[in-house]
Amino acid sequence: MNSETPHWFKSSRSGSEGGNCVETAGLVDAVGVRDSKNPARGHLSLSPTAWSALTESMKD
């Protein structure tokens, strides 16, 4: 991760109720994924290839 604070995004499809949402952030050489309800618990770092595979698998 770089020394800058990542900018986390939540999908516009998540709605305004909160609920079961994840946030993503572009990191150096990775994509960060975390729970929007509990961001202090940390995040997963996925390689761009793994992120692409994950998002493609959700389209099926």
PDB file of N, CA and C in Angstrom:
ATOM      1  N   MET A   1       0.844  -1.177   0.000  1.00  0.00           N
ATOM      2  CA  MET A   1       0.000   0.000   0.000  1.00  0.00           C
ATOM      3  C   MET A   1       0.885   1.234   0.000  1.00  0.00           C
ATOM      4  N   ASN A   2       0.394   2.279  -0.603  1.00  0.00           N
ATOM      5  CA  ASN A   2       1.194   3.494  -0.587  1.00  0.00           C
ATOM      6  C   ASN A   2       0.961   4.267   0.700  1.00  0.00           C
ATOM      7  N   SER A   3       1.722   5.353   0.869  1.00  0.00           N
ATOM      8  CA  SER A   3       1.616   6.117   2.115  1.00  0.00           C
ATOM      9  C   SER A   3       0.404   7.038   2.140  1.00  0.00           C
ATOM     10  N   GLU A   4      -0.227   7.253   0.976  1.00  0.00           N
ATOM     11  CA  GLU A   4      -1.422   8.085   0.942  1.00  0.00           C
ATOM     12  C   GLU A   4      -2.623   7.303   1.464  1.00  0.00           C
ATOM     13  N   THR A   5      -3.579   8.027   2.026  1.00  0.00           N
ATOM     14  CA  THR A   5      -4.801   7.390   2.496  1.00  0.00           C
ATOM     15  C   THR A   5      -5.645   6.998   1.290  1.00  0.00           C
ATOM     16  N   PRO A   6      -6.039   5.722   1.181  1.00  0.00           N
ATOM     17  CA  PRO A   6      -6.854   5.307   0.033  1.00  0.00           C
ATOM     18  C   PRO A   6      -8.233   5.963   0.060  1.00  0.00           C
ATOM     19  N   HIS A   7      -8.785   6.191  -1.112  1.00  0.00           N
ATOM     20  CA  HIS A   7     -10.148   6.717  -1.230  1.00  0.00           C
ATOM     21  C   HIS A   7     -11.072   5.527  -1.472  1.00  0.00           C
ATOM     22  N   TRP A   8     -11.926   5.228  -0.499  1.00  0.00           N
ATOM     23  CA  TRP A   8     -12.811   4.069  -0.553  1.00  0.00           C
ATOM     24  C   TRP A   8     -14.126   4.435  -1.226  1.00  0.00           C
ATOM     25  N   PHE A   9     -14.623   3.507  -2.053  1.00  0.00           N
ATOM     26  CA  PHE A   9     -15.868   3.694  -2.787  1.00  0.00           C
ATOM     27  C   PHE A   9     -16.855   2.595  -2.440  1.00  0.00           C
ATOM     28  N   LYS A  10     -18.119   2.945  -2.374  1.00  0.00           N
ATOM     29  CA  LYS A  10     -19.197   1.973  -2.186  1.00  0.00           C
ATOM     30  C   LYS A  10     -20.061   2.030  -3.437  1.00  0.00           C
ATOM     31  N   SER A  11     -20.545   0.903  -3.888  1.00  0.00           N
ATOM     32  CA  SER A  11     -21.366   0.853  -5.094  1.00  0.00           C
ATOM     33  C   SER A  11     -22.617   1.706  -4.951  1.00  0.00           C
ATOM     34  N   SER A  12     -22.989   2.362  -6.024  1.00  0.00           N
ATOM     35  CA  SER A  12     -24.238   3.137  -6.023  1.00  0.00           C
ATOM     36  C   SER A  12     -25.447   2.223  -5.917  1.00  0.00           C
ATOM     37  N   ARG A  13     -25.272   0.947  -6.186  1.00  0.00           N
ATOM     38  CA  ARG A  13     -26.359  -0.031  -6.062  1.00  0.00           C
ATOM     39  C   ARG A  13     -26.568  -0.488  -4.621  1.00  0.00           C
ATOM     40  N   SER A  14     -25.713  -0.059  -3.726  1.00  0.00           N
ATOM     41  CA  SER A  14     -25.807  -0.481  -2.326  1.00  0.00           C
ATOM     42  C   SER A  14     -27.029   0.083  -1.623  1.00  0.00           C
ATOM     43  N   GLY A  15     -27.531   1.195  -2.079  1.00  0.00           N
ATOM     44  CA  GLY A  15     -28.671   1.818  -1.416  1.00  0.00           C
ATOM     45  C   GLY A  15     -28.219   2.654  -0.237  1.00  0.00           C
ATOM     46  N   SER A  16     -29.156   3.309   0.388  1.00  0.00           N
ATOM     47  CA  SER A  16     -28.821   4.215   1.487  1.00  0.00           C
ATOM     48  C   SER A  16     -29.010   3.597   2.863  1.00  0.00           C
ATOM     49  N   GLU A  17     -29.518   2.369   2.934  1.00  0.00           N
ATOM     50  CA  GLU A  17     -29.786   1.743   4.230  1.00  0.00           C
ATOM     51  C   GLU A  17     -28.541   1.207   4.921  1.00  0.00           C
ATOM     52  N   GLY A  18     -27.427   1.154   4.225  1.00  0.00           N
ATOM     53  CA  GLY A  18     -26.221   0.562   4.824  1.00  0.00           C
ATOM     54  C   GLY A  18     -26.193  -0.911   4.510  1.00  0.00           C
ATOM     55  N   GLY A  19     -26.591  -1.738   5.442  1.00  0.00           N
ATOM     56  CA  GLY A  19     -26.719  -3.170   5.188  1.00  0.00           C
ATOM     57  C   GLY A  19     -25.411  -3.859   4.899  1.00  0.00           C
ATOM     58  N   ASN A  20     -25.487  -4.832   4.016  1.00  0.00           N
ATOM     59  CA  ASN A  20     -24.340  -5.674   3.689  1.00  0.00           C
ATOM     60  C   ASN A  20     -23.601  -5.117   2.483  1.00  0.00           C
ATOM     61  N   CYS A  21     -22.720  -4.181   2.720  1.00  0.00           N
ATOM     62  CA  CYS A  21     -21.999  -3.514   1.633  1.00  0.00           C
ATOM     63  C   CYS A  21     -20.499  -3.706   1.796  1.00  0.00           C
ATOM     64  N   VAL A  22     -19.821  -3.674   0.671  1.00  0.00           N
ATOM     65  CA  VAL A  22     -18.363  -3.641   0.694  1.00  0.00           C
ATOM     66  C   VAL A  22     -17.908  -2.350   0.043  1.00  0.00           C
ATOM     67  N   GLU A  23     -16.714  -1.948   0.391  1.00  0.00           N
ATOM     68  CA  GLU A  23     -16.092  -0.779  -0.214  1.00  0.00           C
ATOM     69  C   GLU A  23     -14.817  -1.240  -0.910  1.00  0.00           C
ATOM     70  N   THR A  24     -14.444  -0.544  -1.963  1.00  0.00           N
ATOM     71  CA  THR A  24     -13.212  -0.855  -2.674  1.00  0.00           C
ATOM     72  C   THR A  24     -12.358   0.398  -2.798  1.00  0.00           C
ATOM     73  N   ALA A  25     -11.074   0.184  -2.938  1.00  0.00           N
ATOM     74  CA  ALA A  25     -10.137   1.297  -3.133  1.00  0.00           C
ATOM     75  C   ALA A  25      -8.998   0.827  -4.022  1.00  0.00           C
ATOM     76  N   GLY A  26      -8.554   1.701  -4.902  1.00  0.00           N
ATOM     77  CA  GLY A  26      -7.374   1.410  -5.696  1.00  0.00           C
ATOM     78  C   GLY A  26      -6.133   1.614  -4.843  1.00  0.00           C
ATOM     79  N   LEU A  27      -5.349   0.582  -4.711  1.00  0.00           N
ATOM     80  CA  LEU A  27      -4.098   0.636  -3.956  1.00  0.00           C
ATOM     81  C   LEU A  27      -2.951   0.457  -4.950  1.00  0.00           C
ATOM     82  N   VAL A  28      -1.739   0.646  -4.515  1.00  0.00           N
ATOM     83  CA  VAL A  28      -0.599   0.418  -5.393  1.00  0.00           C
ATOM     84  C   VAL A  28      -0.529  -1.078  -5.705  1.00  0.00           C
ATOM     85  N   ASP A  29      -0.676  -1.428  -6.960  1.00  0.00           N
ATOM     86  CA  ASP A  29      -0.612  -2.820  -7.433  1.00  0.00           C
ATOM     87  C   ASP A  29      -1.660  -3.738  -6.822  1.00  0.00           C
ATOM     88  N   ALA A  30      -2.774  -3.199  -6.320  1.00  0.00           N
ATOM     89  CA  ALA A  30      -3.813  -4.041  -5.727  1.00  0.00           C
ATOM     90  C   ALA A  30      -5.135  -3.282  -5.669  1.00  0.00           C
ATOM     91  N   VAL A  31      -6.180  -4.036  -5.390  1.00  0.00           N
ATOM     92  CA  VAL A  31      -7.498  -3.461  -5.119  1.00  0.00           C
ATOM     93  C   VAL A  31      -7.847  -3.848  -3.690  1.00  0.00           C
ATOM     94  N   GLY A  32      -8.177  -2.871  -2.865  1.00  0.00           N
ATOM     95  CA  GLY A  32      -8.569  -3.133  -1.484  1.00  0.00           C
ATOM     96  C   GLY A  32     -10.066  -3.354  -1.403  1.00  0.00           C
ATOM     97  N   VAL A  33     -10.469  -4.311  -0.580  1.00  0.00           N
ATOM     98  CA  VAL A  33     -11.882  -4.617  -0.362  1.00  0.00           C
ATOM     99  C   VAL A  33     -12.100  -4.711   1.140  1.00  0.00           C
ATOM    100  N   ARG A  34     -13.111  -3.988   1.648  1.00  0.00           N
ATOM    101  CA  ARG A  34     -13.388  -4.033   3.088  1.00  0.00           C
ATOM    102  C   ARG A  34     -14.888  -3.957   3.350  1.00  0.00           C
ATOM    103  N   ASP A  35     -15.270  -4.300   4.576  1.00  0.00           N
ATOM    104  CA  ASP A  35     -16.655  -4.227   5.038  1.00  0.00           C
ATOM    105  C   ASP A  35     -16.985  -2.776   5.361  1.00  0.00           C
ATOM    106  N   SER A  36     -18.031  -2.246   4.742  1.00  0.00           N
ATOM    107  CA  SER A  36     -18.373  -0.836   4.971  1.00  0.00           C
ATOM    108  C   SER A  36     -18.885  -0.580   6.382  1.00  0.00           C
ATOM    109  N   LYS A  37     -19.403  -1.613   7.053  1.00  0.00           N
ATOM    110  CA  LYS A  37     -19.912  -1.438   8.416  1.00  0.00           C
ATOM    111  C   LYS A  37     -18.806  -1.441   9.456  1.00  0.00           C
ATOM    112  N   ASN A  38     -17.661  -2.027   9.114  1.00  0.00           N
ATOM    113  CA  ASN A  38     -16.587  -2.149  10.090  1.00  0.00           C
ATOM    114  C   ASN A  38     -15.227  -1.949   9.416  1.00  0.00           C
ATOM    115  N   PRO A  39     -14.971  -0.757   8.890  1.00  0.00           N
ATOM    116  CA  PRO A  39     -13.724  -0.540   8.159  1.00  0.00           C
ATOM    117  C   PRO A  39     -12.465  -0.656   9.013  1.00  0.00           C
ATOM    118  N   ALA A  40     -12.589  -0.512  10.312  1.00  0.00           N
ATOM    119  CA  ALA A  40     -11.419  -0.600  11.189  1.00  0.00           C
ATOM    120  C   ALA A  40     -10.850  -2.014  11.268  1.00  0.00           C
ATOM    121  N   ARG A  41     -11.606  -3.004  10.835  1.00  0.00           N
ATOM    122  CA  ARG A  41     -11.121  -4.391  10.880  1.00  0.00           C
ATOM    123  C   ARG A  41     -10.108  -4.689   9.792  1.00  0.00           C
ATOM    124  N   GLY A  42      -9.846  -3.726   8.927  1.00  0.00           N
ATOM    125  CA  GLY A  42      -8.854  -3.937   7.877  1.00  0.00           C
ATOM    126  C   GLY A  42      -9.501  -4.267   6.543  1.00  0.00           C
ATOM    127  N   HIS A  43      -8.672  -4.675   5.598  1.00  0.00           N
ATOM    128  CA  HIS A  43      -9.166  -4.957   4.255  1.00  0.00           C
ATOM    129  C   HIS A  43      -8.394  -6.115   3.631  1.00  0.00           C
ATOM    130  N   LEU A  44      -8.974  -6.670   2.582  1.00  0.00           N
ATOM    131  CA  LEU A  44      -8.298  -7.654   1.752  1.00  0.00           C
ATOM    132  C   LEU A  44      -7.615  -6.907   0.620  1.00  0.00           C
ATOM    133  N   SER A  45      -6.456  -7.342   0.227  1.00  0.00           N
ATOM    134  CA  SER A  45      -5.771  -6.783  -0.937  1.00  0.00           C
ATOM    135  C   SER A  45      -5.762  -7.842  -2.027  1.00  0.00           C
ATOM    136  N   LEU A  46      -6.400  -7.523  -3.146  1.00  0.00           N
ATOM    137  CA  LEU A  46      -6.464  -8.449  -4.272  1.00  0.00           C
ATOM    138  C   LEU A  46      -5.626  -7.904  -5.420  1.00  0.00           C
ATOM    139  N   SER A  47      -4.931  -8.797  -6.095  1.00  0.00           N
ATOM    140  CA  SER A  47      -4.204  -8.368  -7.289  1.00  0.00           C
ATOM    141  C   SER A  47      -5.222  -7.936  -8.340  1.00  0.00           C
ATOM    142  N   PRO A  48      -4.815  -7.117  -9.294  1.00  0.00           N
ATOM    143  CA  PRO A  48      -5.755  -6.739 -10.353  1.00  0.00           C
ATOM    144  C   PRO A  48      -6.342  -7.953 -11.077  1.00  0.00           C
ATOM    145  N   THR A  49      -5.543  -9.000 -11.263  1.00  0.00           N
ATOM    146  CA  THR A  49      -6.036 -10.215 -11.915  1.00  0.00           C
ATOM    147  C   THR A  49      -7.095 -10.899 -11.062  1.00  0.00           C
ATOM    148  N   ALA A  50      -6.854 -11.000  -9.757  1.00  0.00           N
ATOM    149  CA  ALA A  50      -7.828 -11.622  -8.855  1.00  0.00           C
ATOM    150  C   ALA A  50      -9.105 -10.794  -8.773  1.00  0.00           C
ATOM    151  N   TRP A  51      -8.983  -9.460  -8.731  1.00  0.00           N
ATOM    152  CA  TRP A  51     -10.156  -8.580  -8.689  1.00  0.00           C
ATOM    153  C   TRP A  51     -11.001  -8.765  -9.948  1.00  0.00           C
ATOM    154  N   SER A  52     -10.340  -8.820 -11.092  1.00  0.00           N
ATOM    155  CA  SER A  52     -11.039  -9.012 -12.358  1.00  0.00           C
ATOM    156  C   SER A  52     -11.769 -10.353 -12.375  1.00  0.00           C
ATOM    157  N   ALA A  53     -11.108 -11.404 -11.918  1.00  0.00           N
ATOM    158  CA  ALA A  53     -11.735 -12.725 -11.870  1.00  0.00           C
ATOM    159  C   ALA A  53     -12.933 -12.725 -10.926  1.00  0.00           C
ATOM    160  N   LEU A  54     -12.807 -12.069  -9.780  1.00  0.00           N
ATOM    161  CA  LEU A  54     -13.907 -12.002  -8.815  1.00  0.00           C
ATOM    162  C   LEU A  54     -15.107 -11.279  -9.410  1.00  0.00           C
ATOM    163  N   THR A  55     -14.878 -10.108  -9.998  1.00  0.00           N
ATOM    164  CA  THR A  55     -16.002  -9.343 -10.539  1.00  0.00           C
ATOM    165  C   THR A  55     -16.629 -10.041 -11.740  1.00  0.00           C
ATOM    166  N   GLU A  56     -15.832 -10.703 -12.561  1.00  0.00           N
ATOM    167  CA  GLU A  56     -16.388 -11.457 -13.692  1.00  0.00           C
ATOM    168  C   GLU A  56     -17.227 -12.628 -13.206  1.00  0.00           C
ATOM    169  N   SER A  57     -16.795 -13.295 -12.134  1.00  0.00           N
ATOM    170  CA  SER A  57     -17.551 -14.448 -11.625  1.00  0.00           C
ATOM    171  C   SER A  57     -18.898 -14.033 -11.041  1.00  0.00           C
ATOM    172  N   MET A  58     -19.014 -12.792 -10.595  1.00  0.00           N
ATOM    173  CA  MET A  58     -20.278 -12.312 -10.043  1.00  0.00           C
ATOM    174  C   MET A  58     -21.284 -11.962 -11.130  1.00  0.00           C
ATOM    175  N   LYS A  59     -20.822 -11.800 -12.355  1.00  0.00           N
ATOM    176  CA  LYS A  59     -21.719 -11.470 -13.456  1.00  0.00           C
ATOM    177  C   LYS A  59     -22.502 -12.682 -13.935  1.00  0.00           C
ATOM    178  N   ASP A  60     -21.997 -13.877 -13.667  1.00  0.00           N
ATOM    179  CA  ASP A  60     -22.652 -15.110 -14.134  1.00  0.00           C
ATOM    180  C   ASP A  60     -23.879 -15.459 -13.348  1.00  0.00           C
TER     181      ASP A  60
END
